[in-house]
C-alpha atoms as a PDB file:
ATOM      1  CA  MET A   1     -42.652  30.240  54.300  1.00  0.00           C
ATOM      2  CA  THR A   2     -43.180  27.296  56.637  1.00  0.00           C
ATOM      3  CA  ARG A   3     -40.452  24.680  56.548  1.00  0.00           C
ATOM      4  CA  PRO A   4     -41.431  21.009  56.778  1.00  0.00           C
ATOM      5  CA  VAL A   5     -40.500  19.206  59.964  1.00  0.00           C
ATOM      6  CA  PRO A   6     -37.409  17.063  59.264  1.00  0.00           C
ATOM      7  CA  GLY A   7     -38.306  13.412  58.847  1.00  0.00           C
ATOM      8  CA  THR A   8     -42.060  14.002  58.762  1.00  0.00           C
ATOM      9  CA  GLY A   9     -42.357  13.020  55.101  1.00  0.00           C
ATOM     10  CA  THR A  10     -40.359   9.862  55.712  1.00  0.00           C
ATOM     11  CA  ARG A  11     -42.527   8.859  58.652  1.00  0.00           C
ATOM     12  CA  LEU A  12     -45.698   9.423  56.644  1.00  0.00           C
ATOM     13  CA  ARG A  13     -44.239   7.384  53.795  1.00  0.00           C
ATOM     14  CA  GLU A  14     -43.568   4.484  56.150  1.00  0.00           C
ATOM     15  CA  VAL A  15     -47.068   4.633  57.607  1.00  0.00           C
ATOM     16  CA  HIS A  16     -48.556   4.795  54.107  1.00  0.00           C
ATOM     17  CA  ALA A  17     -46.464   1.816  53.010  1.00  0.00           C
ATOM     18  CA  GLU A  18     -47.539  -0.265  56.001  1.00  0.00           C
ATOM     19  CA  TRP A  19     -51.175   0.695  55.516  1.00  0.00           C
ATOM     20  CA  THR A  20     -50.984  -0.283  51.847  1.00  0.00           C
ATOM     21  CA  LYS A  21     -49.522  -3.680  52.725  1.00  0.00           C
ATOM     22  CA  LEU A  22     -52.129  -4.348  55.393  1.00  0.00           C
ATOM     23  CA  ARG A  23     -55.038  -3.019  53.332  1.00  0.00           C
ATOM     24  CA  THR A  24     -54.156  -5.156  50.310  1.00  0.00           C
ATOM     25  CA  ALA A  25     -53.442  -8.327  52.284  1.00  0.00           C
ATOM     26  CA  PRO A  26     -56.123 -10.913  51.394  1.00  0.00           C
ATOM     27  CA  GLY A  27     -57.006 -11.717  55.005  1.00  0.00           C
ATOM     28  CA  THR A  28     -57.387  -8.196  56.409  1.00  0.00           C
ATOM     29  CA  LEU A  29     -61.076  -7.737  55.592  1.00  0.00           C
ATOM     30  CA  TRP A  30     -61.923 -11.179  56.920  1.00  0.00           C
ATOM     31  CA  THR A  31     -59.993 -10.468  60.101  1.00  0.00           C
ATOM     32  CA  VAL A  32     -61.943  -7.262  60.689  1.00  0.00           C
ATOM     33  CA  LEU A  33     -65.237  -9.043  60.075  1.00  0.00           C
ATOM     34  CA  ALA A  34     -64.179 -11.916  62.339  1.00  0.00           C
ATOM     35  CA  LEU A  35     -63.261  -9.549  65.164  1.00  0.00           C
ATOM     36  CA  VAL A  36     -66.658  -7.870  64.995  1.00  0.00           C
ATOM     37  CA  ALA A  37     -68.612 -11.090  64.529  1.00  0.00           C
ATOM     38  CA  VAL A  38     -66.879 -13.043  67.305  1.00  0.00           C
ATOM     39  CA  THR A  39     -67.122 -10.198  69.781  1.00  0.00           C
ATOM     40  CA  VAL A  40     -70.775  -9.397  69.139  1.00  0.00           C
ATOM     41  CA  ALA A  41     -71.865 -13.047  68.953  1.00  0.00           C
ATOM     42  CA  THR A  42     -70.111 -13.941  72.201  1.00  0.00           C
ATOM     43  CA  SER A  43     -71.569 -10.906  73.971  1.00  0.00           C
ATOM     44  CA  ALA A  44     -75.055 -11.784  72.734  1.00  0.00           C
ATOM     45  CA  ALA A  45     -74.630 -15.382  73.889  1.00  0.00           C
ATOM     46  CA  ALA A  46     -73.404 -14.302  77.316  1.00  0.00           C
ATOM     47  CA  SER A  47     -76.351 -11.933  77.653  1.00  0.00           C
ATOM     48  CA  ALA A  48     -78.777 -14.682  76.690  1.00  0.00           C
ATOM     49  CA  LEU A  49     -77.308 -17.362  78.952  1.00  0.00           C
ATOM     50  CA  VAL A  50     -76.871 -15.343  82.138  1.00  0.00           C
ATOM     51  CA  SER A  51     -79.621 -15.442  84.760  1.00  0.00           C
ATOM     52  CA  ARG A  52     -80.389 -12.545  87.057  1.00  0.00           C
ATOM     53  CA  PRO A  53     -80.090 -13.581  90.721  1.00  0.00           C
ATOM     54  CA  SER A  54     -83.304 -13.324  92.695  1.00  0.00           C
ATOM     55  CA  SER A  55     -81.828 -10.599  94.883  1.00  0.00           C
ATOM     56  CA  GLY A  56     -80.959  -8.503  91.844  1.00  0.00           C
ATOM     57  CA  CYS A  57     -77.382  -8.113  93.068  1.00  0.00           C
ATOM     58  CA  GLY A  58     -74.049  -9.585  92.137  1.00  0.00           C
ATOM     59  CA  HIS A  59     -74.196  -9.084  88.359  1.00  0.00           C
ATOM     60  CA  ASP A  60     -72.626  -6.311  86.306  1.00  0.00           C
ATOM     61  CA  ALA A  61     -74.864  -5.919  83.269  1.00  0.00           C
ATOM     62  CA  VAL A  62     -72.341  -3.804  81.369  1.00  0.00           C
ATOM     63  CA  LYS A  63     -69.531  -6.304  81.905  1.00  0.00           C
ATOM     64  CA  ILE A  64     -71.821  -9.121  80.756  1.00  0.00           C
ATOM     65  CA  GLY A  65     -72.699  -7.133  77.650  1.00  0.00           C
ATOM     66  CA  LEU A  66     -69.015  -6.677  76.861  1.00  0.00           C
ATOM     67  CA  ALA A  67     -68.032 -10.294  77.565  1.00  0.00           C
ATOM     68  CA  GLY A  68     -67.324 -10.863  73.877  1.00  0.00           C
ATOM     69  CA  VAL A  69     -64.176  -8.773  74.139  1.00  0.00           C
ATOM     70  CA  GLN A  70     -62.530 -11.739  75.882  1.00  0.00           C
ATOM     71  CA  ALA A  71     -63.063 -13.781  72.721  1.00  0.00           C
ATOM     72  CA  GLY A  72     -62.523 -10.988  70.217  1.00  0.00           C
ATOM     73  CA  GLN A  73     -59.101 -10.202  71.658  1.00  0.00           C
ATOM     74  CA  ALA A  74     -57.810 -13.515  70.274  1.00  0.00           C
ATOM     75  CA  VAL A  75     -58.683 -12.369  66.747  1.00  0.00           C
ATOM     76  CA  ALA A  76     -57.029  -8.989  67.337  1.00  0.00           C
ATOM     77  CA  ALA A  77     -53.930 -10.702  68.716  1.00  0.00           C
ATOM     78  CA  VAL A  78     -53.560 -13.147  65.829  1.00  0.00           C
ATOM     79  CA  ALA A  79     -54.121 -10.387  63.263  1.00  0.00           C
ATOM     80  CA  ALA A  80     -51.389  -8.280  64.847  1.00  0.00           C
ATOM     81  CA  VAL A  81     -49.032 -11.259  64.952  1.00  0.00           C
ATOM     82  CA  LEU A  82     -49.548 -11.945  61.246  1.00  0.00           C
ATOM     83  CA  ALA A  83     -48.965  -8.271  60.403  1.00  0.00           C
ATOM     84  CA  ILE A  84     -45.242  -8.809  61.049  1.00  0.00           C
ATOM     85  CA  THR A  85     -44.593 -12.563  60.970  1.00  0.00           C
ATOM     86  CA  GLY A  86     -46.190 -12.867  57.538  1.00  0.00           C
ATOM     87  CA  GLU A  87     -43.341 -10.789  56.149  1.00  0.00           C
ATOM     88  CA  TYR A  88     -40.751 -12.886  57.943  1.00  0.00           C
ATOM     89  CA  GLY A  89     -42.345 -16.056  56.607  1.00  0.00           C
ATOM     90  CA  THR A  90     -42.224 -14.911  52.974  1.00  0.00           C
ATOM     91  CA  GLY A  91     -38.893 -13.094  53.218  1.00  0.00           C
ATOM     92  CA  MET A  92     -40.552  -9.790  52.294  1.00  0.00           C
ATOM     93  CA  ILE A  93     -39.163  -8.256  55.470  1.00  0.00           C
ATOM     94  CA  ARG A  94     -35.800  -7.900  53.695  1.00  0.00           C
ATOM     95  CA  VAL A  95     -37.460  -5.871  50.957  1.00  0.00           C
ATOM     96  CA  THR A  96     -39.171  -3.731  53.591  1.00  0.00           C
ATOM     97  CA  PHE A  97     -35.920  -2.968  55.401  1.00  0.00           C
ATOM     98  CA  THR A  98     -34.130  -2.284  52.118  1.00  0.00           C
ATOM     99  CA  ALA A  99     -36.757   0.243  51.091  1.00  0.00           C
ATOM    100  CA  MET A 100     -37.088   1.660  54.612  1.00  0.00           C
ATOM    101  CA  PRO A 101     -33.819   1.018  56.489  1.00  0.00           C
ATOM    102  CA  ARG A 102     -34.923   2.797  59.693  1.00  0.00           C
ATOM    103  CA  ARG A 103     -36.188  -0.321  61.458  1.00  0.00           C
ATOM    104  CA  GLY A 104     -37.514   1.475  64.493  1.00  0.00           C
ATOM    105  CA  ALA A 105     -39.596   3.685  62.235  1.00  0.00           C
ATOM    106  CA  VAL A 106     -40.933   0.630  60.403  1.00  0.00           C
ATOM    107  CA  LEU A 107     -42.051  -0.898  63.695  1.00  0.00           C
ATOM    108  CA  ALA A 108     -43.623   2.399  64.739  1.00  0.00           C
ATOM    109  CA  ALA A 109     -45.466   2.614  61.414  1.00  0.00           C
ATOM    110  CA  LYS A 110     -46.741  -0.943  61.804  1.00  0.00           C
ATOM    111  CA  ALA A 111     -47.878  -0.095  65.331  1.00  0.00           C
ATOM    112  CA  VAL A 112     -49.784   2.974  64.095  1.00  0.00           C
ATOM    113  CA  VAL A 113     -51.543   1.008  61.360  1.00  0.00           C
ATOM    114  CA  VAL A 114     -52.346  -2.025  63.542  1.00  0.00           C
ATOM    115  CA  ALA A 115     -53.620   0.177  66.371  1.00  0.00           C
ATOM    116  CA  GLY A 116     -55.713   2.294  64.006  1.00  0.00           C
ATOM    117  CA  LEU A 117     -57.357  -0.696  62.359  1.00  0.00           C
ATOM    118  CA  THR A 118     -58.015  -2.344  65.727  1.00  0.00           C
ATOM    119  CA  LEU A 119     -59.500   0.835  67.161  1.00  0.00           C
ATOM    120  CA  ALA A 120     -61.855   1.127  64.184  1.00  0.00           C
ATOM    121  CA  SER A 121     -62.967  -2.514  64.162  1.00  0.00           C
ATOM    122  CA  GLY A 122     -63.007  -2.641  67.955  1.00  0.00           C
ATOM    123  CA  THR A 123     -65.332   0.341  68.101  1.00  0.00           C
ATOM    124  CA  VAL A 124     -67.817  -1.388  65.807  1.00  0.00           C
ATOM    125  CA  ALA A 125     -67.492  -4.616  67.807  1.00  0.00           C
ATOM    126  CA  VAL A 126     -68.038  -2.926  71.176  1.00  0.00           C
ATOM    127  CA  LEU A 127     -70.994  -0.858  69.974  1.00  0.00           C
ATOM    128  CA  GLY A 128     -72.510  -3.977  68.432  1.00  0.00           C
ATOM    129  CA  SER A 129     -72.008  -5.871  71.671  1.00  0.00           C
ATOM    130  CA  LEU A 130     -73.735  -3.188  73.726  1.00  0.00           C
ATOM    131  CA  LEU A 131     -76.627  -3.064  71.273  1.00  0.00           C
ATOM    132  CA  ALA A 132     -76.999  -6.839  71.383  1.00  0.00           C
ATOM    133  CA  ALA A 133     -76.874  -6.820  75.186  1.00  0.00           C
ATOM    134  CA  ARG A 134     -79.415  -3.993  75.356  1.00  0.00           C
ATOM    135  CA  LEU A 135     -81.826  -6.119  73.300  1.00  0.00           C
ATOM    136  CA  VAL A 136     -81.121  -9.493  74.936  1.00  0.00           C
ATOM    137  CA  LEU A 137     -80.508  -8.778  78.627  1.00  0.00           C
ATOM    138  CA  PRO A 138     -84.137  -7.796  79.428  1.00  0.00           C
ATOM    139  CA  HIS A 139     -85.164 -11.317  78.398  1.00  0.00           C
ATOM    140  CA  SER A 140     -82.726 -12.655  81.012  1.00  0.00           C
ATOM    141  CA  GLY A 141     -84.342 -10.637  83.785  1.00  0.00           C
ATOM    142  CA  PHE A 142     -82.165  -7.515  83.619  1.00  0.00           C
ATOM    143  CA  THR A 143     -85.022  -5.014  83.540  1.00  0.00           C
ATOM    144  CA  PRO A 144     -85.557  -1.553  85.060  1.00  0.00           C
ATOM    145  CA  GLU A 145     -88.012  -3.118  87.505  1.00  0.00           C
ATOM    146  CA  HIS A 146     -85.151  -5.231  88.863  1.00  0.00           C
ATOM    147  CA  GLY A 147     -82.716  -2.334  89.047  1.00  0.00           C
ATOM    148  CA  PHE A 148     -81.074  -2.732  85.650  1.00  0.00           C
ATOM    149  CA  PRO A 149     -81.826   0.172  83.288  1.00  0.00           C
ATOM    150  CA  PRO A 150     -81.172  -0.357  79.553  1.00  0.00           C
ATOM    151  CA  LEU A 151     -77.507  -0.099  78.624  1.00  0.00           C
ATOM    152  CA  SER A 152     -76.720   3.377  77.311  1.00  0.00           C
ATOM    153  CA  LEU A 153     -73.564   5.298  76.458  1.00  0.00           C
ATOM    154  CA  ALA A 154     -75.187   8.297  78.131  1.00  0.00           C
ATOM    155  CA  ASP A 155     -74.355   6.571  81.402  1.00  0.00           C
ATOM    156  CA  GLY A 156     -70.831   7.557  82.506  1.00  0.00           C
ATOM    157  CA  PRO A 157     -69.628   4.135  83.755  1.00  0.00           C
ATOM    158  CA  THR A 158     -71.024   2.425  80.657  1.00  0.00           C
ATOM    159  CA  LEU A 159     -69.248   4.902  78.379  1.00  0.00           C
ATOM    160  CA  ARG A 160     -66.010   4.364  80.276  1.00  0.00           C
ATOM    161  CA  ALA A 161     -66.371   0.584  80.017  1.00  0.00           C
ATOM    162  CA  ALA A 162     -67.080   0.787  76.286  1.00  0.00           C
ATOM    163  CA  ALA A 163     -64.236   3.198  75.499  1.00  0.00           C
ATOM    164  CA  GLY A 164     -61.933   1.208  77.763  1.00  0.00           C
ATOM    165  CA  SER A 165     -62.822  -2.010  75.941  1.00  0.00           C
ATOM    166  CA  VAL A 166     -61.890  -0.470  72.589  1.00  0.00           C
ATOM    167  CA  LEU A 167     -58.623   0.747  74.089  1.00  0.00           C
ATOM    168  CA  TYR A 168     -58.069  -2.707  75.580  1.00  0.00           C
ATOM    169  CA  LEU A 169     -58.328  -4.354  72.157  1.00  0.00           C
ATOM    170  CA  ALA A 170     -55.867  -1.853  70.671  1.00  0.00           C
ATOM    171  CA  LEU A 171     -53.376  -2.446  73.486  1.00  0.00           C
ATOM    172  CA  ILE A 172     -53.702  -6.210  73.044  1.00  0.00           C
ATOM    173  CA  ALA A 173     -52.964  -5.808  69.336  1.00  0.00           C
ATOM    174  CA  LEU A 174     -49.870  -3.680  70.041  1.00  0.00           C
ATOM    175  CA  PHE A 175     -48.701  -6.096  72.741  1.00  0.00           C
ATOM    176  CA  SER A 176     -49.075  -8.944  70.234  1.00  0.00           C
ATOM    177  CA  LEU A 177     -47.183  -6.988  67.573  1.00  0.00           C
ATOM    178  CA  GLY A 178     -44.289  -6.503  69.970  1.00  0.00           C
ATOM    179  CA  VAL A 179     -44.175 -10.186  70.928  1.00  0.00           C
ATOM    180  CA  ALA A 180     -44.407 -11.281  67.284  1.00  0.00           C
ATOM    181  CA  THR A 181     -41.573  -8.943  66.259  1.00  0.00           C
ATOM    182  CA  ALA A 182     -39.377 -10.424  68.970  1.00  0.00           C
ATOM    183  CA  VAL A 183     -40.306 -14.058  68.232  1.00  0.00           C
ATOM    184  CA  ARG A 184     -40.613 -13.797  64.404  1.00  0.00           C
ATOM    185  CA  ASP A 185     -42.682 -16.977  64.093  1.00  0.00           C
ATOM    186  CA  SER A 186     -46.464 -16.938  63.705  1.00  0.00           C
ATOM    187  CA  ALA A 187     -47.336 -20.049  65.695  1.00  0.00           C
ATOM    188  CA  ALA A 188     -44.848 -19.396  68.476  1.00  0.00           C
ATOM    189  CA  ALA A 189     -45.836 -15.737  68.825  1.00  0.00           C
ATOM    190  CA  ALA A 190     -49.558 -16.536  68.879  1.00  0.00           C
ATOM    191  CA  GLY A 191     -48.911 -19.224  71.474  1.00  0.00           C
ATOM    192  CA  VAL A 192     -46.955 -16.859  73.698  1.00  0.00           C
ATOM    193  CA  VAL A 193     -49.549 -14.083  73.458  1.00  0.00           C
ATOM    194  CA  LEU A 194     -52.595 -16.287  74.012  1.00  0.00           C
ATOM    195  CA  GLY A 195     -50.833 -18.116  76.819  1.00  0.00           C
ATOM    196  CA  LEU A 196     -50.027 -14.866  78.606  1.00  0.00           C
ATOM    197  CA  LEU A 197     -53.595 -13.679  78.147  1.00  0.00           C
ATOM    198  CA  TYR A 198     -55.692 -16.734  78.951  1.00  0.00           C
ATOM    199  CA  ALA A 199     -53.417 -19.068  80.903  1.00  0.00           C
ATOM    200  CA  LEU A 200     -51.971 -16.373  83.140  1.00  0.00           C
ATOM    201  CA  ALA A 201     -55.483 -15.127  83.836  1.00  0.00           C
ATOM    202  CA  ALA A 202     -56.506 -18.575  85.109  1.00  0.00           C
ATOM    203  CA  VAL A 203     -53.333 -19.413  87.082  1.00  0.00           C
ATOM    204  CA  PRO A 204     -54.278 -17.449  90.239  1.00  0.00           C
ATOM    205  CA  PHE A 205     -57.504 -19.443  90.593  1.00  0.00           C
ATOM    206  CA  VAL A 206     -56.458 -22.996  89.684  1.00  0.00           C
ATOM    207  CA  MET A 207     -52.809 -23.386  90.645  1.00  0.00           C
ATOM    208  CA  VAL A 208     -52.028 -20.919  93.461  1.00  0.00           C
ATOM    209  CA  PRO A 209     -53.657 -21.607  96.844  1.00  0.00           C
ATOM    210  CA  ASP A 210     -52.140 -18.659  98.688  1.00  0.00           C
ATOM    211  CA  PRO A 211     -54.539 -15.647  98.649  1.00  0.00           C
ATOM    212  CA  ASP A 212     -51.741 -13.084  98.648  1.00  0.00           C
ATOM    213  CA  TRP A 213     -50.100 -14.666  95.615  1.00  0.00           C
ATOM    214  CA  GLN A 214     -53.479 -14.971  93.935  1.00  0.00           C
ATOM    215  CA  LEU A 215     -54.009 -11.251  94.384  1.00  0.00           C
ATOM    216  CA  LEU A 216     -50.544 -10.389  93.063  1.00  0.00           C
ATOM    217  CA  LEU A 217     -50.880 -12.610  90.000  1.00  0.00           C
ATOM    218  CA  TRP A 218     -54.335 -11.202  89.286  1.00  0.00           C
ATOM    219  CA  ARG A 219     -52.963  -7.673  89.407  1.00  0.00           C
ATOM    220  CA  ILE A 220     -50.107  -8.378  86.986  1.00  0.00           C
ATOM    221  CA  SER A 221     -52.150 -10.501  84.565  1.00  0.00           C
ATOM    222  CA  PRO A 222     -52.592  -8.434  81.372  1.00  0.00           C
ATOM    223  CA  MET A 223     -56.078  -9.808  80.747  1.00  0.00           C
ATOM    224  CA  ASN A 224     -57.451  -9.668  84.287  1.00  0.00           C
ATOM    225  CA  ALA A 225     -56.005  -6.221  84.905  1.00  0.00           C
ATOM    226  CA  GLY A 226     -56.940  -4.795  81.515  1.00  0.00           C
ATOM    227  CA  LEU A 227     -60.529  -5.995  81.621  1.00  0.00           C
ATOM    228  CA  ALA A 228     -61.061  -4.289  84.964  1.00  0.00           C
ATOM    229  CA  VAL A 229     -61.936  -1.259  82.842  1.00  0.00           C
ATOM    230  CA  GLN A 230     -65.241  -2.954  82.001  1.00  0.00           C
ATOM    231  CA  ALA A 231     -66.422  -3.071  85.607  1.00  0.00           C
ATOM    232  CA  THR A 232     -69.255  -0.731  86.559  1.00  0.00           C
ATOM    233  CA  ALA A 233     -70.480  -2.391  89.777  1.00  0.00           C
ATOM    234  CA  ASN A 234     -68.809  -3.297  93.084  1.00  0.00           C
ATOM    235  CA  LEU A 235     -65.670  -1.356  92.109  1.00  0.00           C
ATOM    236  CA  SER A 236     -64.417  -1.269  95.703  1.00  0.00           C
ATOM    237  CA  ALA A 237     -64.088  -5.061  95.654  1.00  0.00           C
ATOM    238  CA  LEU A 238     -61.733  -5.072  92.647  1.00  0.00           C
ATOM    239  CA  PRO A 239     -57.999  -5.653  93.208  1.00  0.00           C
ATOM    240  CA  LEU A 240     -57.359  -2.702  90.855  1.00  0.00           C
ATOM    241  CA  THR A 241     -59.375   0.299  89.782  1.00  0.00           C
ATOM    242  CA  PRO A 242     -60.439   0.289  86.104  1.00  0.00           C
ATOM    243  CA  TRP A 243     -57.742   2.710  84.967  1.00  0.00           C
ATOM    244  CA  GLN A 244     -55.068   1.093  87.133  1.00  0.00           C
ATOM    245  CA  GLY A 245     -55.848  -2.109  85.244  1.00  0.00           C
ATOM    246  CA  VAL A 246     -55.390  -0.321  81.921  1.00  0.00           C
ATOM    247  CA  ALA A 247     -52.055   1.013  83.213  1.00  0.00           C
ATOM    248  CA  VAL A 248     -50.884  -2.557  83.901  1.00  0.00           C
ATOM    249  CA  LEU A 249     -51.769  -3.645  80.368  1.00  0.00           C
ATOM    250  CA  THR A 250     -50.096  -0.522  78.982  1.00  0.00           C
ATOM    251  CA  ALA A 251     -46.909  -1.493  80.835  1.00  0.00           C
ATOM    252  CA  TRP A 252     -46.997  -4.967  79.265  1.00  0.00           C
ATOM    253  CA  THR A 253     -47.516  -3.387  75.843  1.00  0.00           C
ATOM    254  CA  ALA A 254     -44.725  -0.856  76.262  1.00  0.00           C
ATOM    255  CA  ALA A 255     -42.322  -3.571  77.446  1.00  0.00           C
ATOM    256  CA  SER A 256     -43.102  -5.817  74.460  1.00  0.00           C
ATOM    257  CA  LEU A 257     -42.645  -2.995  71.945  1.00  0.00           C
ATOM    258  CA  LEU A 258     -39.425  -1.831  73.595  1.00  0.00           C
ATOM    259  CA  LEU A 259     -38.010  -5.376  73.492  1.00  0.00           C
ATOM    260  CA  ALA A 260     -39.121  -5.690  69.881  1.00  0.00           C
ATOM    261  CA  ALA A 261     -37.416  -2.426  68.917  1.00  0.00           C
ATOM    262  CA  LEU A 262     -34.157  -3.448  70.596  1.00  0.00           C
ATOM    263  CA  LEU A 263     -34.084  -6.877  68.947  1.00  0.00           C
ATOM    264  CA  LEU A 264     -35.105  -5.449  65.590  1.00  0.00           C
ATOM    265  CA  ARG A 265     -32.065  -3.168  65.578  1.00  0.00           C
ATOM    266  CA  ARG A 266     -29.606  -5.896  66.610  1.00  0.00           C
ATOM    267  CA  ARG A 267     -30.646  -8.883  64.558  1.00  0.00           C
ATOM    268  CA  ASP A 268     -30.447  -9.664  60.857  1.00  0.00           C
ATOM    269  CA  ALA A 269     -33.658  -9.571  58.879  1.00  0.00           C
END
């Protein structure tokens, strides 16, 4: 007779509880729809507004087609923030920790649920973005005659960029969950996350004149580094390879979740 693994039932119960809370929250469906809609609409707009240079060089069609991820990540971040701060705001977090006193396991369960939902909605958003770009980009001059074949997941770099974009959204959501758990306030946590994503991405170009510092700040920026996974052209010119960029974002995510776990154990609910 096979014995159950100790603690497995408890962990599944915590994941089920967190999934039930998230699934029944009134804003979850709208958040999923918003993530898909914002991402696809922004990608379609970017594909429509871009102009192919006369030389046919200098543009990465796949990256243009996935441009909506830069906007969609804000929705993923805010949704992840609300997944934990909503309970702090209503006081329900005390009920959660009373029913499930293993706080680290609660955070892990929230992370599993948030990551799973983001992966699912992010997959739809990325596929929709590529489809929109495939339909729109030819009207902007990105045609096979100009050296730009239709976007297809059968192409290795395109598949990597698409899968990497879905992973990017999930990592952003987990990073946001960690920050929100540490901060415990919706507005403050969203401000910190969005500031680190968008403001830190722009700092190297608008406030730092030294090229060496620009390069360093670009490499440690979670958004700049993470979105390197979308690049399919001129890879040798990038400060980081696509998967090195994902590794940088993974480090940010791991650090935020580790800090969240430590603070969660030490502080009162």
